Amino acid sequence: MIIAIDGPVGSGKSTIAKLVAQKLGFTYIDTGAMYRAVALKIIKTKTPLKVSEIVKMMENTKIDLVQTEEGLKVYLDGEDVTEEIRTEDVAKLASQIARYGEIRKRLVQFQRKLGERAGNVVIEGRDTGTVIFPNAELKIYLTASPEERARRRYEQLKEKGFNVPFEHLVEKIRERDKMDMERKESPLKPAEDSVIIDTTDKTIDEVVEIIINLAKERMKKS
């Protein structure tokens, strides 16, 4: 069974997908981490922002997602970059390169292979239900207000010792939404058969329970 979870930045995709996978005993795949890993390598290698140059760089790039007791680890060319890929600069560049069809095409191929190998999967990130696994048995689209998503990000950054103005985060989230929804290549949108869940006034546990119940219903029918 494949559960595809999509939605805008800050909607809780990663946290919820990890918990759903853990409770169901499924493999968790974070597609956004792959784009971030490519973005990080562009920054580190100072690769020009041209599709041909980035694709060339990707031919000599190895990205591994490894499930550990501490959670999902992301390795870029053998180096653990789990924390490095979570910066604002990397996130912004990842969103930028995701607009390029050739880059998406290469990463989608890799993501499909991962999913097919794993069998039972919770896959999270952009286009999971519309492009990567259009035949997924369960498609979830998580959303929340920009203010709530900014609040969550603010709390995360605060825990890590960063002090970023709340209004700045709201503005950045609105910018990111606009960029993701208006891009020509695979714009952010729910699949026609997605179950849309607004997480603004829901706890993480409540959303996880909703998804697990939906998954069990689909399993009974199959």
N, C-alpha and C. Protein backbone atom coordinates (compact mmCIF):
# COMPACT_ATOMS: atom_id res chain seq x y z
N MET A 1 0.84 -1.20 0.00
CA MET A 1 0.00 0.00 0.00
C MET A 1 0.87 1.24 0.00
N ILE A 2 0.46 2.23 -0.79
CA ILE A 2 1.17 3.51 -0.82
C ILE A 2 0.24 4.61 -0.30
N ILE A 3 0.72 5.33 0.72
CA ILE A 3 0.01 6.50 1.24
C ILE A 3 0.82 7.73 0.83
N ALA A 4 0.24 8.58 0.00
CA ALA A 4 0.92 9.78 -0.49
C ALA A 4 0.40 11.01 0.25
N ILE A 5 1.32 11.74 0.89
CA ILE A 5 0.93 12.92 1.67
C ILE A 5 1.56 14.17 1.06
N ASP A 6 0.72 15.11 0.67
CA ASP A 6 1.17 16.34 0.02
C ASP A 6 0.61 17.54 0.78
N GLY A 7 1.00 18.74 0.34
CA GLY A 7 0.51 19.96 0.97
C GLY A 7 1.58 21.03 1.00
N PRO A 8 1.19 22.26 1.31
CA PRO A 8 2.15 23.37 1.33
C PRO A 8 3.15 23.26 2.48
N VAL A 9 4.19 24.08 2.40
CA VAL A 9 5.23 24.10 3.43
C VAL A 9 4.61 24.44 4.79
N GLY A 10 5.05 23.71 5.82
CA GLY A 10 4.59 24.00 7.18
C GLY A 10 3.24 23.41 7.54
N SER A 11 2.69 22.55 6.67
CA SER A 11 1.37 21.98 6.96
C SER A 11 1.46 20.74 7.86
N GLY A 12 2.67 20.34 8.18
CA GLY A 12 2.87 19.20 9.08
C GLY A 12 3.14 17.89 8.38
N LYS A 13 3.44 17.94 7.07
CA LYS A 13 3.64 16.73 6.28
C LYS A 13 4.67 15.78 6.89
N SER A 14 5.85 16.30 7.17
CA SER A 14 6.94 15.44 7.63
C SER A 14 6.63 14.77 8.96
N THR A 15 6.25 15.56 9.94
CA THR A 15 5.96 15.02 11.28
C THR A 15 4.85 13.98 11.21
N ILE A 16 3.79 14.30 10.51
CA ILE A 16 2.63 13.40 10.43
C ILE A 16 2.96 12.14 9.63
N ALA A 17 3.66 12.31 8.50
CA ALA A 17 4.02 11.14 7.68
C ALA A 17 4.91 10.18 8.46
N LYS A 18 5.85 10.71 9.22
CA LYS A 18 6.75 9.85 10.02
C LYS A 18 5.96 9.03 11.02
N LEU A 19 5.02 9.69 11.71
CA LEU A 19 4.24 9.01 12.74
C LEU A 19 3.30 7.96 12.15
N VAL A 20 2.68 8.31 11.01
CA VAL A 20 1.79 7.36 10.34
C VAL A 20 2.58 6.11 9.92
N ALA A 21 3.76 6.34 9.33
CA ALA A 21 4.61 5.22 8.90
C ALA A 21 5.03 4.36 10.09
N GLN A 22 5.40 5.03 11.16
CA GLN A 22 5.85 4.32 12.37
C GLN A 22 4.73 3.45 12.95
N LYS A 23 3.52 4.02 13.05
CA LYS A 23 2.40 3.29 13.65
C LYS A 23 1.90 2.15 12.77
N LEU A 24 2.03 2.32 11.45
CA LEU A 24 1.57 1.26 10.54
C LEU A 24 2.68 0.26 10.19
N GLY A 25 3.93 0.61 10.56
CA GLY A 25 5.06 -0.24 10.22
C GLY A 25 5.45 -0.13 8.75
N PHE A 26 5.17 1.04 8.14
CA PHE A 26 5.49 1.30 6.74
C PHE A 26 6.84 2.00 6.63
N THR A 27 7.42 1.99 5.43
CA THR A 27 8.64 2.73 5.16
C THR A 27 8.29 4.19 4.89
N TYR A 28 9.06 5.12 5.45
CA TYR A 28 8.82 6.56 5.27
C TYR A 28 9.79 7.11 4.24
N ILE A 29 9.27 7.82 3.25
CA ILE A 29 10.11 8.46 2.22
C ILE A 29 9.80 9.96 2.18
N ASP A 30 10.83 10.77 2.37
CA ASP A 30 10.71 12.23 2.35
C ASP A 30 11.27 12.75 1.02
N THR A 31 10.38 13.04 0.06
CA THR A 31 10.85 13.49 -1.26
C THR A 31 11.48 14.88 -1.19
N GLY A 32 10.94 15.73 -0.31
CA GLY A 32 11.48 17.09 -0.20
C GLY A 32 12.94 17.09 0.22
N ALA A 33 13.33 16.10 1.02
CA ALA A 33 14.72 16.00 1.47
C ALA A 33 15.67 15.81 0.29
N MET A 34 15.19 15.15 -0.75
CA MET A 34 16.03 14.92 -1.93
C MET A 34 16.29 16.22 -2.68
N TYR A 35 15.24 17.03 -2.83
CA TYR A 35 15.42 18.34 -3.48
C TYR A 35 16.35 19.23 -2.65
N ARG A 36 16.18 19.14 -1.34
CA ARG A 36 17.03 19.95 -0.45
C ARG A 36 18.48 19.50 -0.55
N ALA A 37 18.69 18.18 -0.67
CA ALA A 37 20.05 17.66 -0.79
C ALA A 37 20.72 18.17 -2.07
N VAL A 38 19.95 18.16 -3.17
CA VAL A 38 20.48 18.70 -4.43
C VAL A 38 20.79 20.18 -4.28
N ALA A 39 19.87 20.93 -3.64
CA ALA A 39 20.08 22.37 -3.42
C ALA A 39 21.33 22.62 -2.58
N LEU A 40 21.52 21.80 -1.54
CA LEU A 40 22.71 21.96 -0.69
C LEU A 40 23.99 21.74 -1.49
N LYS A 41 23.97 20.74 -2.36
CA LYS A 41 25.17 20.47 -3.17
C LYS A 41 25.45 21.62 -4.14
N ILE A 42 24.38 22.21 -4.69
CA ILE A 42 24.56 23.37 -5.58
C ILE A 42 25.28 24.48 -4.83
N ILE A 43 24.83 24.73 -3.59
CA ILE A 43 25.44 25.79 -2.77
C ILE A 43 26.90 25.45 -2.46
N LYS A 44 27.14 24.20 -2.05
CA LYS A 44 28.49 23.80 -1.64
C LYS A 44 29.48 23.81 -2.80
N THR A 45 28.99 23.41 -3.97
CA THR A 45 29.89 23.30 -5.14
C THR A 45 29.87 24.55 -6.02
N LYS A 46 28.99 25.52 -5.61
CA LYS A 46 28.83 26.76 -6.41
C LYS A 46 28.47 26.44 -7.86
N THR A 47 27.60 25.46 -8.05
CA THR A 47 27.14 25.08 -9.38
C THR A 47 26.24 26.18 -9.94
N PRO A 48 26.48 26.63 -11.19
CA PRO A 48 25.62 27.67 -11.79
C PRO A 48 24.17 27.21 -11.86
N LEU A 49 23.24 28.15 -11.67
CA LEU A 49 21.81 27.81 -11.68
C LEU A 49 21.28 27.68 -13.10
N LYS A 50 21.86 26.75 -13.84
CA LYS A 50 21.40 26.40 -15.18
C LYS A 50 21.02 24.93 -15.15
N VAL A 51 19.90 24.60 -15.78
CA VAL A 51 19.41 23.23 -15.74
C VAL A 51 20.48 22.24 -16.19
N SER A 52 21.14 22.54 -17.30
CA SER A 52 22.15 21.62 -17.84
C SER A 52 23.28 21.38 -16.84
N GLU A 53 23.69 22.45 -16.14
CA GLU A 53 24.78 22.33 -15.16
C GLU A 53 24.34 21.53 -13.94
N ILE A 54 23.10 21.77 -13.51
CA ILE A 54 22.59 21.05 -12.33
C ILE A 54 22.41 19.57 -12.64
N VAL A 55 21.85 19.27 -13.83
CA VAL A 55 21.66 17.88 -14.23
C VAL A 55 23.00 17.17 -14.32
N LYS A 56 23.99 17.85 -14.87
CA LYS A 56 25.34 17.28 -14.96
C LYS A 56 25.89 16.97 -13.57
N MET A 57 25.68 17.89 -12.64
CA MET A 57 26.14 17.70 -11.27
C MET A 57 25.43 16.50 -10.64
N MET A 58 24.12 16.36 -10.93
CA MET A 58 23.32 15.28 -10.34
C MET A 58 23.79 13.90 -10.79
N GLU A 59 24.39 13.83 -11.98
CA GLU A 59 24.89 12.55 -12.49
C GLU A 59 25.99 11.97 -11.60
N ASN A 60 26.67 12.87 -10.87
CA ASN A 60 27.73 12.44 -9.96
C ASN A 60 27.34 12.69 -8.50
N THR A 61 26.04 12.55 -8.23
CA THR A 61 25.53 12.80 -6.87
C THR A 61 24.79 11.58 -6.36
N LYS A 62 25.06 11.21 -5.12
CA LYS A 62 24.38 10.07 -4.51
C LYS A 62 23.61 10.56 -3.29
N ILE A 63 22.29 10.32 -3.30
CA ILE A 63 21.43 10.69 -2.18
C ILE A 63 20.85 9.41 -1.58
N ASP A 64 21.03 9.25 -0.28
CA ASP A 64 20.48 8.08 0.41
C ASP A 64 19.58 8.51 1.55
N LEU A 65 18.44 7.85 1.69
CA LEU A 65 17.54 8.06 2.82
C LEU A 65 17.62 6.81 3.68
N VAL A 66 18.07 6.96 4.91
CA VAL A 66 18.29 5.80 5.79
C VAL A 66 17.44 5.93 7.04
N GLN A 67 16.62 4.91 7.29
CA GLN A 67 15.78 4.90 8.49
C GLN A 67 16.61 4.40 9.67
N THR A 68 16.70 5.21 10.73
CA THR A 68 17.46 4.82 11.92
C THR A 68 16.55 4.93 13.14
N GLU A 69 17.07 4.52 14.29
CA GLU A 69 16.29 4.63 15.53
C GLU A 69 16.00 6.09 15.87
N GLU A 70 16.87 6.99 15.41
CA GLU A 70 16.70 8.42 15.68
C GLU A 70 15.83 9.10 14.64
N GLY A 71 15.40 8.35 13.63
CA GLY A 71 14.59 8.93 12.57
C GLY A 71 15.28 8.81 11.23
N LEU A 72 14.72 9.50 10.24
CA LEU A 72 15.26 9.44 8.88
C LEU A 72 16.53 10.26 8.77
N LYS A 73 17.58 9.64 8.25
CA LYS A 73 18.85 10.34 8.01
C LYS A 73 19.02 10.54 6.50
N VAL A 74 19.51 11.72 6.13
CA VAL A 74 19.73 12.03 4.72
C VAL A 74 21.24 12.11 4.48
N TYR A 75 21.71 11.32 3.53
CA TYR A 75 23.13 11.30 3.21
C TYR A 75 23.34 11.84 1.79
N LEU A 76 24.26 12.76 1.67
CA LEU A 76 24.63 13.34 0.38
C LEU A 76 26.08 12.96 0.09
N ASP A 77 26.25 12.12 -0.92
CA ASP A 77 27.59 11.61 -1.26
C ASP A 77 28.30 11.03 -0.04
N GLY A 78 27.53 10.29 0.76
CA GLY A 78 28.10 9.61 1.91
C GLY A 78 28.18 10.41 3.19
N GLU A 79 27.81 11.69 3.13
CA GLU A 79 27.89 12.56 4.31
C GLU A 79 26.49 12.82 4.87
N ASP A 80 26.36 12.74 6.19
CA ASP A 80 25.08 12.99 6.86
C ASP A 80 24.78 14.50 6.81
N VAL A 81 23.73 14.87 6.06
CA VAL A 81 23.38 16.29 5.91
C VAL A 81 21.96 16.56 6.44
N THR A 82 21.49 15.68 7.32
CA THR A 82 20.11 15.76 7.84
C THR A 82 19.78 17.14 8.39
N GLU A 83 20.70 17.72 9.14
CA GLU A 83 20.47 19.04 9.73
C GLU A 83 20.75 20.17 8.73
N GLU A 84 21.81 20.00 7.95
CA GLU A 84 22.22 21.05 6.99
C GLU A 84 21.13 21.40 5.98
N ILE A 85 20.34 20.41 5.58
CA ILE A 85 19.35 20.67 4.52
C ILE A 85 18.11 21.40 5.05
N ARG A 86 18.04 21.68 6.35
CA ARG A 86 16.85 22.31 6.93
C ARG A 86 16.96 23.82 7.07
N THR A 87 17.97 24.44 6.50
CA THR A 87 18.10 25.89 6.61
C THR A 87 17.16 26.58 5.62
N GLU A 88 16.89 27.86 5.88
CA GLU A 88 15.98 28.63 5.02
C GLU A 88 16.56 28.80 3.60
N ASP A 89 17.87 29.01 3.51
CA ASP A 89 18.51 29.20 2.19
C ASP A 89 18.39 27.95 1.33
N VAL A 90 18.60 26.80 1.96
CA VAL A 90 18.48 25.53 1.22
C VAL A 90 17.03 25.31 0.80
N ALA A 91 16.08 25.59 1.70
CA ALA A 91 14.66 25.41 1.40
C ALA A 91 14.23 26.28 0.21
N LYS A 92 14.69 27.51 0.21
CA LYS A 92 14.32 28.45 -0.87
C LYS A 92 14.86 27.98 -2.21
N LEU A 93 16.13 27.53 -2.20
CA LEU A 93 16.74 27.07 -3.45
C LEU A 93 16.09 25.76 -3.91
N ALA A 94 15.74 24.90 -2.97
CA ALA A 94 15.07 23.64 -3.32
C ALA A 94 13.76 23.91 -4.05
N SER A 95 13.01 24.89 -3.56
CA SER A 95 11.75 25.26 -4.18
C SER A 95 11.99 25.83 -5.59
N GLN A 96 13.08 26.55 -5.72
CA GLN A 96 13.43 27.18 -7.01
C GLN A 96 13.78 26.11 -8.06
N ILE A 97 14.64 25.15 -7.69
CA ILE A 97 15.06 24.15 -8.68
C ILE A 97 13.94 23.14 -8.96
N ALA A 98 12.97 23.04 -8.05
CA ALA A 98 11.85 22.11 -8.26
C ALA A 98 10.97 22.54 -9.43
N ARG A 99 11.17 23.77 -9.90
CA ARG A 99 10.38 24.26 -11.04
C ARG A 99 10.90 23.72 -12.36
N TYR A 100 12.11 23.15 -12.34
CA TYR A 100 12.73 22.69 -13.58
C TYR A 100 12.33 21.24 -13.86
N GLY A 101 11.66 21.02 -15.00
CA GLY A 101 11.15 19.71 -15.36
C GLY A 101 12.18 18.60 -15.40
N GLU A 102 13.36 18.90 -15.94
CA GLU A 102 14.39 17.87 -16.08
C GLU A 102 14.90 17.40 -14.73
N ILE A 103 14.99 18.33 -13.79
CA ILE A 103 15.45 17.98 -12.44
C ILE A 103 14.39 17.14 -11.73
N ARG A 104 13.13 17.55 -11.83
CA ARG A 104 12.03 16.81 -11.22
C ARG A 104 11.95 15.39 -11.80
N LYS A 105 12.11 15.31 -13.11
CA LYS A 105 12.01 14.02 -13.80
C LYS A 105 13.03 13.02 -13.24
N ARG A 106 14.24 13.49 -13.03
CA ARG A 106 15.30 12.60 -12.53
C ARG A 106 15.04 12.16 -11.09
N LEU A 107 14.57 13.10 -10.27
CA LEU A 107 14.30 12.76 -8.88
C LEU A 107 13.05 11.88 -8.75
N VAL A 108 12.06 12.12 -9.59
CA VAL A 108 10.84 11.30 -9.56
C VAL A 108 11.17 9.84 -9.86
N GLN A 109 12.06 9.60 -10.82
CA GLN A 109 12.47 8.23 -11.16
C GLN A 109 13.07 7.54 -9.94
N PHE A 110 13.92 8.26 -9.22
CA PHE A 110 14.58 7.73 -8.04
C PHE A 110 13.55 7.45 -6.94
N GLN A 111 12.59 8.37 -6.78
CA GLN A 111 11.57 8.22 -5.74
C GLN A 111 10.66 7.02 -6.02
N ARG A 112 10.32 6.81 -7.28
CA ARG A 112 9.47 5.67 -7.64
C ARG A 112 10.18 4.34 -7.33
N LYS A 113 11.47 4.29 -7.66
CA LYS A 113 12.24 3.07 -7.40
C LYS A 113 12.29 2.77 -5.90
N LEU A 114 12.47 3.83 -5.10
CA LEU A 114 12.50 3.66 -3.65
C LEU A 114 11.17 3.09 -3.16
N GLY A 115 10.07 3.67 -3.65
CA GLY A 115 8.74 3.24 -3.24
C GLY A 115 8.43 1.82 -3.64
N GLU A 116 8.80 1.46 -4.87
CA GLU A 116 8.53 0.11 -5.38
C GLU A 116 9.32 -0.94 -4.61
N ARG A 117 10.56 -0.58 -4.23
CA ARG A 117 11.40 -1.51 -3.47
C ARG A 117 10.83 -1.75 -2.07
N ALA A 118 10.33 -0.67 -1.48
CA ALA A 118 9.90 -0.72 -0.08
C ALA A 118 8.57 -1.45 0.12
N GLY A 119 7.67 -1.41 -0.86
CA GLY A 119 6.37 -2.07 -0.73
C GLY A 119 5.34 -1.19 -0.04
N ASN A 120 5.18 -1.35 1.27
CA ASN A 120 4.26 -0.51 2.04
C ASN A 120 4.97 0.79 2.41
N VAL A 121 4.42 1.91 1.92
CA VAL A 121 5.15 3.18 1.99
C VAL A 121 4.25 4.34 2.39
N VAL A 122 4.82 5.24 3.20
CA VAL A 122 4.23 6.57 3.38
C VAL A 122 5.21 7.52 2.73
N ILE A 123 4.80 8.14 1.64
CA ILE A 123 5.69 9.05 0.91
C ILE A 123 5.16 10.46 1.04
N GLU A 124 6.03 11.38 1.38
CA GLU A 124 5.62 12.75 1.70
C GLU A 124 6.39 13.75 0.86
N GLY A 125 5.70 14.77 0.38
CA GLY A 125 6.36 15.82 -0.40
C GLY A 125 5.51 16.27 -1.57
N ARG A 126 6.08 17.16 -2.38
CA ARG A 126 5.36 17.71 -3.52
C ARG A 126 5.03 16.64 -4.55
N ASP A 127 3.83 16.72 -5.11
CA ASP A 127 3.40 15.89 -6.25
C ASP A 127 3.34 14.40 -5.96
N THR A 128 3.34 14.02 -4.69
CA THR A 128 3.35 12.59 -4.39
C THR A 128 2.11 11.89 -4.93
N GLY A 129 0.96 12.55 -4.85
CA GLY A 129 -0.27 11.94 -5.32
C GLY A 129 -0.64 12.27 -6.75
N THR A 130 -0.06 13.34 -7.29
CA THR A 130 -0.42 13.75 -8.65
C THR A 130 0.57 13.25 -9.71
N VAL A 131 1.85 13.15 -9.35
CA VAL A 131 2.88 12.80 -10.34
C VAL A 131 3.65 11.52 -9.98
N ILE A 132 4.16 11.45 -8.75
CA ILE A 132 5.05 10.33 -8.40
C ILE A 132 4.27 9.02 -8.32
N PHE A 133 3.20 9.02 -7.51
CA PHE A 133 2.37 7.82 -7.39
C PHE A 133 0.89 8.19 -7.60
N PRO A 134 0.50 8.46 -8.87
CA PRO A 134 -0.89 8.83 -9.15
C PRO A 134 -1.89 7.71 -8.83
N ASN A 135 -1.38 6.47 -8.70
CA ASN A 135 -2.26 5.34 -8.39
C ASN A 135 -2.17 4.93 -6.92
N ALA A 136 -1.65 5.81 -6.08
CA ALA A 136 -1.54 5.51 -4.65
C ALA A 136 -2.93 5.17 -4.08
N GLU A 137 -2.96 4.19 -3.17
CA GLU A 137 -4.25 3.75 -2.60
C GLU A 137 -4.89 4.83 -1.72
N LEU A 138 -4.06 5.66 -1.10
CA LEU A 138 -4.59 6.73 -0.26
C LEU A 138 -3.77 8.00 -0.48
N LYS A 139 -4.47 9.07 -0.83
CA LYS A 139 -3.81 10.37 -1.06
C LYS A 139 -4.35 11.38 -0.05
N ILE A 140 -3.44 12.01 0.65
CA ILE A 140 -3.80 13.00 1.66
C ILE A 140 -3.19 14.34 1.27
N TYR A 141 -3.99 15.40 1.38
CA TYR A 141 -3.47 16.76 1.15
C TYR A 141 -3.70 17.55 2.44
N LEU A 142 -2.59 17.85 3.12
CA LEU A 142 -2.66 18.61 4.37
C LEU A 142 -2.55 20.09 4.09
N THR A 143 -3.32 20.88 4.82
CA THR A 143 -3.21 22.33 4.68
C THR A 143 -3.40 22.98 6.05
N ALA A 144 -3.09 24.26 6.12
CA ALA A 144 -3.28 25.05 7.35
C ALA A 144 -3.10 26.51 6.96
N SER A 145 -3.58 27.43 7.79
CA SER A 145 -3.46 28.85 7.48
C SER A 145 -1.98 29.25 7.48
N PRO A 146 -1.59 30.28 6.69
CA PRO A 146 -0.20 30.74 6.69
C PRO A 146 0.28 31.14 8.09
N GLU A 147 -0.61 31.74 8.86
CA GLU A 147 -0.25 32.18 10.22
C GLU A 147 0.07 30.99 11.12
N GLU A 148 -0.74 29.94 11.02
CA GLU A 148 -0.50 28.75 11.84
C GLU A 148 0.79 28.06 11.42
N ARG A 149 1.03 27.99 10.12
CA ARG A 149 2.26 27.36 9.63
C ARG A 149 3.49 28.16 10.05
N ALA A 150 3.35 29.49 10.05
CA ALA A 150 4.45 30.35 10.50
C ALA A 150 4.71 30.17 12.00
N ARG A 151 3.62 30.02 12.75
CA ARG A 151 3.76 29.82 14.20
C ARG A 151 4.54 28.53 14.50
N ARG A 152 4.22 27.48 13.75
CA ARG A 152 4.91 26.21 13.95
C ARG A 152 6.40 26.35 13.63
N ARG A 153 6.68 27.03 12.53
CA ARG A 153 8.08 27.23 12.12
C ARG A 153 8.81 28.08 13.16
N TYR A 154 8.13 29.09 13.67
CA TYR A 154 8.69 29.99 14.69
C TYR A 154 9.10 29.18 15.93
N GLU A 155 8.22 28.27 16.36
CA GLU A 155 8.51 27.43 17.54
C GLU A 155 9.68 26.51 17.28
N GLN A 156 9.76 25.93 16.08
CA GLN A 156 10.88 25.05 15.72
C GLN A 156 12.20 25.80 15.78
N LEU A 157 12.22 27.00 15.18
CA LEU A 157 13.45 27.79 15.14
C LEU A 157 13.85 28.26 16.54
N LYS A 158 12.84 28.59 17.33
CA LYS A 158 13.09 29.06 18.70
C LYS A 158 13.76 27.95 19.53
N GLU A 159 13.28 26.72 19.35
CA GLU A 159 13.86 25.57 20.06
C GLU A 159 15.32 25.37 19.69
N LYS A 160 15.67 25.72 18.44
CA LYS A 160 17.05 25.56 17.98
C LYS A 160 17.91 26.78 18.28
N GLY A 161 17.31 27.79 18.95
CA GLY A 161 18.09 28.96 19.35
C GLY A 161 18.09 30.10 18.35
N PHE A 162 17.22 30.01 17.32
CA PHE A 162 17.15 31.08 16.32
C PHE A 162 15.97 32.01 16.65
N ASN A 163 16.21 33.30 16.50
CA ASN A 163 15.15 34.28 16.77
C ASN A 163 14.79 35.00 15.47
N VAL A 164 13.76 34.50 14.79
CA VAL A 164 13.32 35.07 13.51
C VAL A 164 11.96 35.73 13.73
N PRO A 165 11.79 36.99 13.31
CA PRO A 165 10.50 37.67 13.50
C PRO A 165 9.34 36.89 12.90
N PHE A 166 8.25 36.79 13.64
CA PHE A 166 7.08 36.02 13.21
C PHE A 166 6.53 36.52 11.88
N GLU A 167 6.41 37.85 11.73
CA GLU A 167 5.85 38.42 10.49
C GLU A 167 6.72 38.08 9.28
N HIS A 168 8.02 37.98 9.50
CA HIS A 168 8.95 37.61 8.42
C HIS A 168 8.63 36.19 7.95
N LEU A 169 8.36 35.29 8.90
CA LEU A 169 8.04 33.91 8.55
C LEU A 169 6.72 33.81 7.79
N VAL A 170 5.73 34.59 8.20
CA VAL A 170 4.43 34.60 7.50
C VAL A 170 4.64 35.04 6.05
N GLU A 171 5.43 36.09 5.88
CA GLU A 171 5.71 36.61 4.53
C GLU A 171 6.42 35.57 3.68
N LYS A 172 7.41 34.88 4.27
CA LYS A 172 8.18 33.87 3.54
C LYS A 172 7.29 32.70 3.12
N ILE A 173 6.38 32.31 4.00
CA ILE A 173 5.47 31.20 3.70
C ILE A 173 4.52 31.59 2.56
N ARG A 174 4.02 32.83 2.59
CA ARG A 174 3.14 33.29 1.51
C ARG A 174 3.89 33.31 0.17
N GLU A 175 5.15 33.75 0.21
CA GLU A 175 6.00 33.78 -1.00
C GLU A 175 6.20 32.37 -1.54
N ARG A 176 6.51 31.44 -0.62
CA ARG A 176 6.76 30.05 -1.01
C ARG A 176 5.50 29.43 -1.60
N ASP A 177 4.35 29.69 -0.99
CA ASP A 177 3.08 29.17 -1.52
C ASP A 177 2.85 29.65 -2.95
N LYS A 178 3.07 30.94 -3.16
CA LYS A 178 2.86 31.55 -4.48
C LYS A 178 3.78 30.89 -5.51
N MET A 179 5.06 30.72 -5.12
CA MET A 179 6.04 30.12 -6.02
C MET A 179 5.66 28.68 -6.37
N ASP A 180 5.25 27.93 -5.34
CA ASP A 180 4.93 26.51 -5.55
C ASP A 180 3.64 26.33 -6.35
N MET A 181 2.65 27.19 -6.12
CA MET A 181 1.36 27.04 -6.78
C MET A 181 1.35 27.57 -8.21
N GLU A 182 2.26 28.50 -8.51
CA GLU A 182 2.24 29.13 -9.83
C GLU A 182 3.30 28.60 -10.79
N ARG A 183 4.15 27.67 -10.30
CA ARG A 183 5.20 27.17 -11.20
C ARG A 183 4.56 26.38 -12.34
N LYS A 184 5.20 26.41 -13.50
CA LYS A 184 4.66 25.74 -14.69
C LYS A 184 4.76 24.23 -14.56
N GLU A 185 5.87 23.76 -14.00
CA GLU A 185 6.11 22.33 -13.88
C GLU A 185 5.53 21.80 -12.57
N SER A 186 4.51 20.96 -12.68
CA SER A 186 3.89 20.33 -11.51
C SER A 186 3.57 21.31 -10.38
N PRO A 187 2.65 22.26 -10.60
CA PRO A 187 2.30 23.20 -9.53
C PRO A 187 1.68 22.48 -8.34
N LEU A 188 1.85 23.06 -7.17
CA LEU A 188 1.30 22.48 -5.94
C LEU A 188 -0.23 22.53 -5.99
N LYS A 189 -0.85 21.36 -5.91
CA LYS A 189 -2.31 21.28 -5.88
C LYS A 189 -2.69 19.87 -5.42
N PRO A 190 -3.87 19.73 -4.80
CA PRO A 190 -4.28 18.38 -4.39
C PRO A 190 -4.71 17.55 -5.59
N ALA A 191 -4.45 16.24 -5.53
CA ALA A 191 -4.96 15.33 -6.56
C ALA A 191 -6.49 15.33 -6.46
N GLU A 192 -7.15 15.03 -7.56
CA GLU A 192 -8.61 15.06 -7.58
C GLU A 192 -9.23 14.12 -6.54
N ASP A 193 -8.55 13.00 -6.27
CA ASP A 193 -9.09 12.04 -5.31
C ASP A 193 -8.41 12.12 -3.94
N SER A 194 -7.78 13.26 -3.64
CA SER A 194 -7.15 13.45 -2.33
C SER A 194 -8.19 13.70 -1.25
N VAL A 195 -7.86 13.25 -0.04
CA VAL A 195 -8.64 13.63 1.14
C VAL A 195 -7.95 14.87 1.71
N ILE A 196 -8.65 16.01 1.72
CA ILE A 196 -8.05 17.26 2.19
C ILE A 196 -8.32 17.42 3.69
N ILE A 197 -7.23 17.62 4.44
CA ILE A 197 -7.34 17.78 5.89
C ILE A 197 -6.74 19.12 6.30
N ASP A 198 -7.56 19.98 6.87
CA ASP A 198 -7.08 21.27 7.38
C ASP A 198 -6.58 21.04 8.81
N THR A 199 -5.27 21.23 9.01
CA THR A 199 -4.65 20.94 10.31
C THR A 199 -4.57 22.15 11.23
N THR A 200 -5.13 23.28 10.81
CA THR A 200 -5.00 24.53 11.58
C THR A 200 -5.40 24.35 13.03
N ASP A 201 -6.57 23.74 13.26
CA ASP A 201 -7.10 23.59 14.63
C ASP A 201 -7.03 22.15 15.13
N LYS A 202 -6.17 21.36 14.51
CA LYS A 202 -6.05 19.96 14.93
C LYS A 202 -4.66 19.67 15.50
N THR A 203 -4.62 18.75 16.46
CA THR A 203 -3.32 18.33 16.99
C THR A 203 -2.71 17.32 16.03
N ILE A 204 -1.41 17.09 16.16
CA ILE A 204 -0.72 16.11 15.33
C ILE A 204 -1.36 14.73 15.51
N ASP A 205 -1.62 14.36 16.76
CA ASP A 205 -2.21 13.05 17.05
C ASP A 205 -3.58 12.88 16.39
N GLU A 206 -4.37 13.95 16.37
CA GLU A 206 -5.69 13.88 15.75
C GLU A 206 -5.58 13.61 14.25
N VAL A 207 -4.64 14.30 13.59
CA VAL A 207 -4.45 14.12 12.15
C VAL A 207 -3.93 12.72 11.85
N VAL A 208 -2.97 12.27 12.65
CA VAL A 208 -2.41 10.92 12.47
C VAL A 208 -3.52 9.87 12.59
N GLU A 209 -4.38 10.03 13.56
CA GLU A 209 -5.48 9.07 13.77
C GLU A 209 -6.43 9.06 12.58
N ILE A 210 -6.74 10.24 12.04
CA ILE A 210 -7.62 10.33 10.86
C ILE A 210 -7.02 9.54 9.70
N ILE A 211 -5.72 9.75 9.45
CA ILE A 211 -5.06 9.09 8.31
C ILE A 211 -4.97 7.58 8.51
N ILE A 212 -4.65 7.15 9.72
CA ILE A 212 -4.55 5.71 10.00
C ILE A 212 -5.92 5.04 9.82
N ASN A 213 -6.96 5.69 10.28
CA ASN A 213 -8.32 5.13 10.11
C ASN A 213 -8.69 5.02 8.63
N LEU A 214 -8.33 6.05 7.86
CA LEU A 214 -8.59 6.02 6.41
C LEU A 214 -7.81 4.89 5.75
N ALA A 215 -6.54 4.73 6.17
CA ALA A 215 -5.69 3.66 5.60
C ALA A 215 -6.28 2.29 5.90
N LYS A 216 -6.75 2.08 7.13
CA LYS A 216 -7.32 0.78 7.51
C LYS A 216 -8.60 0.49 6.72
N GLU A 217 -9.38 1.55 6.46
CA GLU A 217 -10.60 1.38 5.65
C GLU A 217 -10.26 0.92 4.25
N ARG A 218 -9.21 1.57 3.65
CA ARG A 218 -8.80 1.22 2.29
C ARG A 218 -8.24 -0.20 2.24
N MET A 219 -7.52 -0.58 3.30
CA MET A 219 -6.94 -1.94 3.34
C MET A 219 -8.04 -3.01 3.34
N LYS A 220 -9.12 -2.73 4.08
CA LYS A 220 -10.23 -3.69 4.16
C LYS A 220 -10.89 -3.88 2.78
N LYS A 221 -10.95 -2.78 2.03
CA LYS A 221 -11.62 -2.82 0.72
C LYS A 221 -10.76 -3.52 -0.33
N SER A 222 -9.42 -3.46 -0.15
CA SER A 222 -8.54 -4.04 -1.19
C SER A 222 -8.39 -5.54 -1.06
